[in-house]
Structures are given as structure tokens and as C-alpha cells.
Amino acid sequence: MTGDFIKIKCPDCANEQIAFKKAATKVTCNVCGSTLIVPKGGVGEIKGEVLEVVG
């Protein structure tokens, strides 16, 4: 399966991290704790900037 992971930039602290775009639980920033992805039963609602699709 390609394109299931994304590199996302936190809107609050500019930290970049890789996350599963179909997350079943809320994804938060590893640095500041800001919400990056909210689960929606499929592709989550992405709160940060998507920088690239990984794998």
C-alpha cells in the first residue's frame, strides 16, 4: 500500500514528523502536543501542512 504515511508540519512549532494518514486515534505533535490529525473513519482531518507522501 503506497501513500499511507505522510510527512506533516506542525502549524504551531514547525516540527516535521511522519504519521499514518488514516489514523484511528488523534495524532499529536511530538514537540508541542498540538493536534496534527483528527480521526474521521477513513483519511483523517489533517490540521498541519502535508510536506510529502512517504511510501
N, C-alpha and C. Protein backbone atom coordinates (compact mmCIF):
# COMPACT_ATOMS: atom_id res chain seq x y z
N MET A 1 0.85 -1.18 0.00
CA MET A 1 0.00 0.00 0.00
C MET A 1 0.89 1.24 0.00
N THR A 2 0.75 2.05 -0.99
CA THR A 2 1.57 3.25 -1.08
C THR A 2 0.77 4.47 -0.67
N GLY A 3 1.46 5.44 -0.12
CA GLY A 3 0.82 6.69 0.21
C GLY A 3 0.05 6.72 1.50
N ASP A 4 0.25 5.72 2.37
CA ASP A 4 -0.48 5.70 3.63
C ASP A 4 0.17 6.55 4.72
N PHE A 5 1.43 6.89 4.54
CA PHE A 5 2.13 7.72 5.51
C PHE A 5 2.45 9.08 4.89
N ILE A 6 2.39 10.12 5.71
CA ILE A 6 2.69 11.46 5.24
C ILE A 6 3.66 12.14 6.20
N LYS A 7 4.46 13.03 5.65
CA LYS A 7 5.28 13.91 6.49
C LYS A 7 4.48 15.18 6.67
N ILE A 8 4.23 15.52 7.92
CA ILE A 8 3.36 16.65 8.24
C ILE A 8 4.12 17.66 9.08
N LYS A 9 3.84 18.94 8.83
CA LYS A 9 4.48 20.03 9.57
C LYS A 9 3.50 20.61 10.57
N CYS A 10 3.92 20.70 11.83
CA CYS A 10 3.06 21.23 12.88
C CYS A 10 2.79 22.72 12.63
N PRO A 11 1.53 23.13 12.71
CA PRO A 11 1.20 24.55 12.48
C PRO A 11 1.66 25.47 13.62
N ASP A 12 1.94 24.90 14.79
CA ASP A 12 2.32 25.73 15.94
C ASP A 12 3.83 25.87 16.13
N CYS A 13 4.58 24.76 15.95
CA CYS A 13 6.02 24.84 16.26
C CYS A 13 6.91 24.49 15.06
N ALA A 14 6.33 24.15 13.92
CA ALA A 14 7.05 23.82 12.68
C ALA A 14 7.83 22.51 12.75
N ASN A 15 7.57 21.68 13.77
CA ASN A 15 8.18 20.36 13.82
C ASN A 15 7.64 19.52 12.66
N GLU A 16 8.51 18.69 12.08
CA GLU A 16 8.09 17.80 11.00
C GLU A 16 8.13 16.37 11.51
N GLN A 17 7.07 15.62 11.25
CA GLN A 17 7.06 14.21 11.64
C GLN A 17 6.24 13.40 10.66
N ILE A 18 6.47 12.09 10.67
CA ILE A 18 5.76 11.18 9.78
C ILE A 18 4.61 10.55 10.55
N ALA A 19 3.44 10.48 9.92
CA ALA A 19 2.25 9.92 10.57
C ALA A 19 1.44 9.12 9.56
N PHE A 20 0.62 8.22 10.07
CA PHE A 20 -0.31 7.44 9.27
C PHE A 20 -1.53 8.31 8.99
N LYS A 21 -1.84 8.52 7.71
CA LYS A 21 -2.92 9.47 7.39
C LYS A 21 -4.32 8.93 7.69
N LYS A 22 -4.45 7.61 7.90
CA LYS A 22 -5.74 7.01 8.24
C LYS A 22 -5.74 6.62 9.72
N ALA A 23 -5.25 7.50 10.55
CA ALA A 23 -5.09 7.22 11.98
C ALA A 23 -6.43 6.95 12.66
N ALA A 24 -6.44 5.97 13.56
CA ALA A 24 -7.65 5.62 14.31
C ALA A 24 -7.75 6.44 15.61
N THR A 25 -6.63 7.03 16.01
CA THR A 25 -6.62 7.88 17.20
C THR A 25 -5.99 9.22 16.83
N LYS A 26 -6.22 10.22 17.66
CA LYS A 26 -5.69 11.56 17.41
C LYS A 26 -4.16 11.51 17.38
N VAL A 27 -3.57 12.17 16.38
CA VAL A 27 -2.11 12.25 16.28
C VAL A 27 -1.70 13.64 16.75
N THR A 28 -0.76 13.69 17.70
CA THR A 28 -0.29 14.96 18.22
C THR A 28 1.18 15.16 17.91
N CYS A 29 1.61 16.40 17.93
CA CYS A 29 2.99 16.77 17.68
C CYS A 29 3.87 16.22 18.80
N ASN A 30 5.01 15.65 18.43
CA ASN A 30 5.94 15.10 19.40
C ASN A 30 6.64 16.18 20.22
N VAL A 31 6.63 17.42 19.75
CA VAL A 31 7.34 18.50 20.43
C VAL A 31 6.40 19.32 21.32
N CYS A 32 5.33 19.86 20.73
CA CYS A 32 4.47 20.78 21.48
C CYS A 32 3.12 20.20 21.89
N GLY A 33 2.75 19.02 21.35
CA GLY A 33 1.48 18.40 21.71
C GLY A 33 0.27 18.88 20.94
N SER A 34 0.46 19.75 19.96
CA SER A 34 -0.64 20.24 19.14
C SER A 34 -1.24 19.11 18.31
N THR A 35 -2.53 19.15 18.04
CA THR A 35 -3.20 18.12 17.25
C THR A 35 -2.82 18.26 15.78
N LEU A 36 -2.37 17.15 15.18
CA LEU A 36 -1.99 17.15 13.76
C LEU A 36 -3.03 16.45 12.89
N ILE A 37 -3.57 15.33 13.37
CA ILE A 37 -4.57 14.58 12.61
C ILE A 37 -5.70 14.16 13.55
N VAL A 38 -6.94 14.43 13.12
CA VAL A 38 -8.12 14.02 13.87
C VAL A 38 -8.77 12.87 13.09
N PRO A 39 -9.01 11.70 13.73
CA PRO A 39 -9.60 10.57 13.01
C PRO A 39 -11.02 10.86 12.54
N LYS A 40 -11.34 10.40 11.33
CA LYS A 40 -12.67 10.64 10.75
C LYS A 40 -13.25 9.36 10.12
N GLY A 41 -12.76 8.18 10.50
CA GLY A 41 -13.28 6.94 9.96
C GLY A 41 -12.69 6.54 8.62
N GLY A 42 -11.75 7.23 8.14
CA GLY A 42 -11.04 6.97 6.89
C GLY A 42 -9.79 7.81 6.94
N VAL A 43 -9.58 8.62 5.93
CA VAL A 43 -8.48 9.57 5.97
C VAL A 43 -8.84 10.64 6.99
N GLY A 44 -7.92 10.87 7.93
CA GLY A 44 -8.20 11.83 8.99
C GLY A 44 -8.19 13.27 8.53
N GLU A 45 -8.74 14.13 9.36
CA GLU A 45 -8.71 15.57 9.10
C GLU A 45 -7.32 16.07 9.48
N ILE A 46 -6.56 16.52 8.50
CA ILE A 46 -5.18 16.94 8.69
C ILE A 46 -5.13 18.42 9.06
N LYS A 47 -4.55 18.72 10.21
CA LYS A 47 -4.50 20.09 10.72
C LYS A 47 -3.22 20.82 10.33
N GLY A 48 -2.17 20.08 10.02
CA GLY A 48 -0.89 20.69 9.64
C GLY A 48 -0.71 20.71 8.14
N GLU A 49 0.47 21.11 7.72
CA GLU A 49 0.80 21.16 6.29
C GLU A 49 1.43 19.84 5.88
N VAL A 50 0.89 19.21 4.84
CA VAL A 50 1.47 17.97 4.32
C VAL A 50 2.66 18.34 3.44
N LEU A 51 3.84 17.86 3.82
CA LEU A 51 5.05 18.17 3.09
C LEU A 51 5.34 17.17 2.00
N GLU A 52 5.06 15.88 2.27
CA GLU A 52 5.26 14.85 1.25
C GLU A 52 4.55 13.56 1.66
N VAL A 53 4.30 12.72 0.65
CA VAL A 53 3.74 11.40 0.88
C VAL A 53 4.92 10.44 0.96
N VAL A 54 4.93 9.61 2.01
CA VAL A 54 6.03 8.68 2.24
C VAL A 54 5.53 7.26 2.05
N GLY A 55 6.21 6.51 1.18
CA GLY A 55 5.92 5.09 0.99
C GLY A 55 4.55 4.81 0.62
